[in-house]
């Protein structure tokens, strides 16, 4: 792995000098074809905060392992964080779900990638049905339901938001979280739709 590591570090060093993303991507892509998948995943994990490394490595990994749910999720997440758009992220997330229906990260990206607020709320409902103990998904459901209620004056969405925030309040482990949820609930209960 030291040769791979050296080549990636050299490519990143050059990128930091010239800021040419295309050259960096080309350099990383050139490295991928001469190393094993597990070795590439290892180097990408070392640089997990550098999407400039993660994206070309995982594009190669996904091309080689098109049904690897973890790889699909890593690539979709990197695309999401760099603004690649909901269509490509949603497609990768759907492929990951098909490959491994138990992959929560795939479900989260699938829900996030829905552009329509009502559709996104419905997707978060599906995620919370599949993973009822997933507090992040439940918070996203509550937030999206509140957004829908505010945007469309939808009393059913408001009711869903309130009930979901109440359930989160019951499980919140700290007084700070409870206070924040109480403030949110007070605001939502005061809405006149």
Protein backbone atom coordinates (compact mmCIF):
# COMPACT_ATOMS: atom_id res chain seq x y z
CA UNK A 1 0.00 0.00 0.00
CA UNK A 2 2.96 2.36 0.45
CA UNK A 3 3.28 2.90 -3.33
CA UNK A 4 -0.43 3.69 -3.54
CA UNK A 5 -0.25 5.98 -0.52
CA UNK A 6 2.76 7.83 -1.96
CA UNK A 7 1.06 8.32 -5.32
CA UNK A 8 -2.15 9.63 -3.72
CA UNK A 9 -0.24 11.99 -1.41
CA UNK A 10 1.80 13.24 -4.39
CA UNK A 11 -1.38 13.86 -6.38
CA UNK A 12 -2.94 15.74 -3.45
CA UNK A 13 0.22 17.81 -2.94
CA UNK A 14 0.17 18.80 -6.61
CA UNK A 15 -3.55 19.61 -6.36
CA UNK A 16 -2.93 21.90 -3.41
CA UNK A 17 -0.37 23.78 -5.54
CA UNK A 18 -2.30 24.08 -8.80
CA UNK A 19 -5.92 23.61 -7.67
CA UNK A 20 -6.65 21.62 -10.84
CA UNK A 21 -9.34 19.14 -9.87
CA UNK A 22 -9.35 17.48 -13.30
CA UNK A 23 -5.66 16.67 -13.05
CA UNK A 24 -6.17 15.29 -9.53
CA UNK A 25 -9.08 13.10 -10.65
CA UNK A 26 -7.05 11.85 -13.63
CA UNK A 27 -4.12 11.07 -11.33
CA UNK A 28 -6.29 9.18 -8.84
CA UNK A 29 -8.06 7.31 -11.66
CA UNK A 30 -4.69 6.28 -13.09
CA UNK A 31 -3.74 4.82 -9.72
CA UNK A 32 -6.94 2.82 -9.36
CA UNK A 33 -6.31 0.48 -12.28
CA UNK A 34 -3.00 -0.78 -10.88
CA UNK A 35 -4.16 -1.64 -7.35
CA UNK A 36 -6.59 -4.06 -5.73
CA UNK A 37 -10.06 -3.01 -4.64
CA UNK A 38 -9.43 -3.59 -0.93
CA UNK A 39 -6.24 -1.55 -1.10
CA UNK A 40 -8.10 1.27 -2.86
CA UNK A 41 -10.88 1.20 -0.28
CA UNK A 42 -8.23 1.43 2.44
CA UNK A 43 -6.61 4.51 0.91
CA UNK A 44 -10.00 6.15 0.35
CA UNK A 45 -10.87 5.48 3.99
CA UNK A 46 -7.62 7.16 5.03
CA UNK A 47 -8.74 10.22 3.05
CA UNK A 48 -12.45 9.98 3.85
CA UNK A 49 -12.71 13.75 4.32
CA UNK A 50 -11.18 14.41 0.92
CA UNK A 51 -13.96 13.89 -1.59
CA UNK A 52 -11.39 14.57 -4.31
CA UNK A 53 -9.92 11.16 -3.44
CA UNK A 54 -13.07 9.32 -2.42
CA UNK A 55 -15.03 10.07 -5.60
CA UNK A 56 -12.61 8.73 -8.23
CA UNK A 57 -11.64 5.74 -6.07
CA UNK A 58 -15.25 4.78 -5.38
CA UNK A 59 -16.32 5.39 -8.97
CA UNK A 60 -13.79 2.69 -9.85
CA UNK A 61 -14.86 0.44 -6.97
CA UNK A 62 -18.53 0.72 -7.94
CA UNK A 63 -17.67 -0.02 -11.57
CA UNK A 64 -15.91 -3.19 -10.42
CA UNK A 65 -18.47 -4.11 -7.75
CA UNK A 66 -21.82 -2.76 -8.97
CA UNK A 67 -23.77 -4.52 -6.20
CA UNK A 68 -21.57 -3.49 -3.27
CA UNK A 69 -24.04 -1.55 -1.11
CA UNK A 70 -21.38 0.02 1.09
CA UNK A 71 -19.42 1.27 -1.93
CA UNK A 72 -22.59 2.66 -3.52
CA UNK A 73 -23.45 4.50 -0.30
CA UNK A 74 -19.95 5.94 0.10
CA UNK A 75 -20.01 7.23 -3.48
CA UNK A 76 -23.56 8.57 -3.18
CA UNK A 77 -22.66 10.36 0.06
CA UNK A 78 -19.56 11.95 -1.51
CA UNK A 79 -21.64 13.04 -4.47
CA UNK A 80 -24.31 14.47 -2.16
CA UNK A 81 -21.78 16.42 -0.11
CA UNK A 82 -20.21 17.88 -3.26
CA UNK A 83 -23.56 18.87 -4.80
CA UNK A 84 -23.80 16.33 -7.60
CA UNK A 85 -27.57 16.42 -7.47
CA UNK A 86 -30.47 14.34 -6.24
CA UNK A 87 -30.92 12.24 -9.39
CA UNK A 88 -27.50 10.59 -9.37
CA UNK A 89 -27.52 10.24 -5.57
CA UNK A 90 -31.02 8.77 -5.61
CA UNK A 91 -30.04 6.28 -8.29
CA UNK A 92 -27.00 5.10 -6.32
CA UNK A 93 -29.05 4.92 -3.11
CA UNK A 94 -31.73 2.84 -4.84
CA UNK A 95 -29.08 0.49 -6.20
CA UNK A 96 -27.62 0.14 -2.69
CA UNK A 97 -31.05 -0.62 -1.24
CA UNK A 98 -31.60 -3.27 -3.91
CA UNK A 99 -28.21 -4.79 -3.05
CA UNK A 100 -28.72 -4.65 0.73
CA UNK A 101 -32.14 -3.62 2.08
CA UNK A 102 -30.71 -3.42 5.61
CA UNK A 103 -28.25 -0.62 4.75
CA UNK A 104 -29.59 2.41 6.65
CA UNK A 105 -27.18 4.79 4.95
CA UNK A 106 -28.72 3.86 1.60
CA UNK A 107 -32.20 4.55 2.95
CA UNK A 108 -31.11 7.92 4.36
CA UNK A 109 -29.61 9.00 1.03
CA UNK A 110 -32.71 7.74 -0.79
CA UNK A 111 -34.91 9.93 1.43
CA UNK A 112 -32.60 12.95 1.22
CA UNK A 113 -32.47 12.80 -2.57
CA UNK A 114 -36.21 13.35 -3.04
CA UNK A 115 -36.63 16.94 -4.22
CA UNK A 116 -40.35 17.29 -3.47
CA UNK A 117 -40.98 18.06 0.21
CA UNK A 118 -44.08 15.85 0.45
CA UNK A 119 -42.28 13.01 -1.29
CA UNK A 120 -39.28 13.49 0.99
CA UNK A 121 -41.53 13.36 4.07
CA UNK A 122 -43.12 10.16 2.77
CA UNK A 123 -39.69 8.65 2.17
CA UNK A 124 -38.64 9.50 5.73
CA UNK A 125 -41.83 7.82 6.94
CA UNK A 126 -40.76 4.69 5.08
CA UNK A 127 -37.27 4.86 6.63
CA UNK A 128 -38.73 5.21 10.13
CA UNK A 129 -41.04 2.25 9.53
CA UNK A 130 -38.07 0.12 8.54
CA UNK A 131 -35.79 1.44 11.30
CA UNK A 132 -38.03 2.55 14.18
CA UNK A 133 -35.12 3.16 16.56
CA UNK A 134 -33.30 5.45 14.10
CA UNK A 135 -33.51 8.80 15.88
CA UNK A 136 -31.88 10.68 13.01
CA UNK A 137 -34.51 9.41 10.58
CA UNK A 138 -37.28 10.33 12.99
CA UNK A 139 -35.84 13.83 13.40
CA UNK A 140 -35.66 14.18 9.61
CA UNK A 141 -39.27 13.01 9.36
CA UNK A 142 -40.36 15.59 11.94
CA UNK A 143 -38.40 18.37 10.23
CA UNK A 144 -39.78 17.53 6.79
CA UNK A 145 -43.34 17.21 8.11
CA UNK A 146 -43.00 20.63 9.78
CA UNK A 147 -41.66 22.10 6.53
CA UNK A 148 -44.57 20.65 4.58
CA UNK A 149 -47.07 21.89 7.17
CA UNK A 150 -45.65 25.39 6.94
CA UNK A 151 -45.36 25.49 3.17
CA UNK A 152 -48.72 23.93 2.31
CA UNK A 153 -50.74 24.65 5.46
CA UNK A 154 -51.22 20.92 5.85
CA UNK A 155 -52.76 19.99 9.23
CA UNK A 156 -51.97 16.28 8.82
CA UNK A 157 -48.30 17.05 8.27
CA UNK A 158 -48.36 19.34 11.29
CA UNK A 159 -49.90 16.59 13.40
CA UNK A 160 -47.22 14.16 12.19
CA UNK A 161 -44.47 16.65 13.02
CA UNK A 162 -45.82 17.24 16.53
CA UNK A 163 -46.27 13.53 17.27
CA UNK A 164 -42.81 12.72 15.97
CA UNK A 165 -41.15 15.51 17.96
CA UNK A 166 -43.07 14.36 21.05
CA UNK A 167 -41.72 10.83 20.63
CA UNK A 168 -38.21 12.23 20.25
CA UNK A 169 -38.71 14.31 23.40
CA UNK A 170 -39.64 11.18 25.34
CA UNK A 171 -36.37 9.55 24.31
CA UNK A 172 -34.06 12.57 24.50
CA UNK A 173 -31.18 11.84 26.87
CA UNK A 174 -30.22 15.38 27.88
CA UNK A 175 -32.01 18.39 29.34
CA UNK A 176 -30.61 20.56 26.53
CA UNK A 177 -32.19 18.34 23.87
CA UNK A 178 -35.48 18.27 25.75
CA UNK A 179 -35.56 22.07 26.00
CA UNK A 180 -34.88 22.43 22.28
CA UNK A 181 -37.65 19.97 21.47
CA UNK A 182 -40.03 21.69 23.91
CA UNK A 183 -39.40 25.02 22.17
CA UNK A 184 -40.03 23.45 18.78
CA UNK A 185 -43.22 21.80 20.01
CA UNK A 186 -44.45 25.04 21.55
CA UNK A 187 -43.93 26.82 18.24
CA UNK A 188 -45.65 24.12 16.20
CA UNK A 189 -48.60 23.87 18.59
CA UNK A 190 -49.12 27.61 18.15
CA UNK A 191 -49.44 27.41 14.36
CA UNK A 192 -52.86 28.21 12.95
CA UNK A 193 -53.34 26.39 9.64
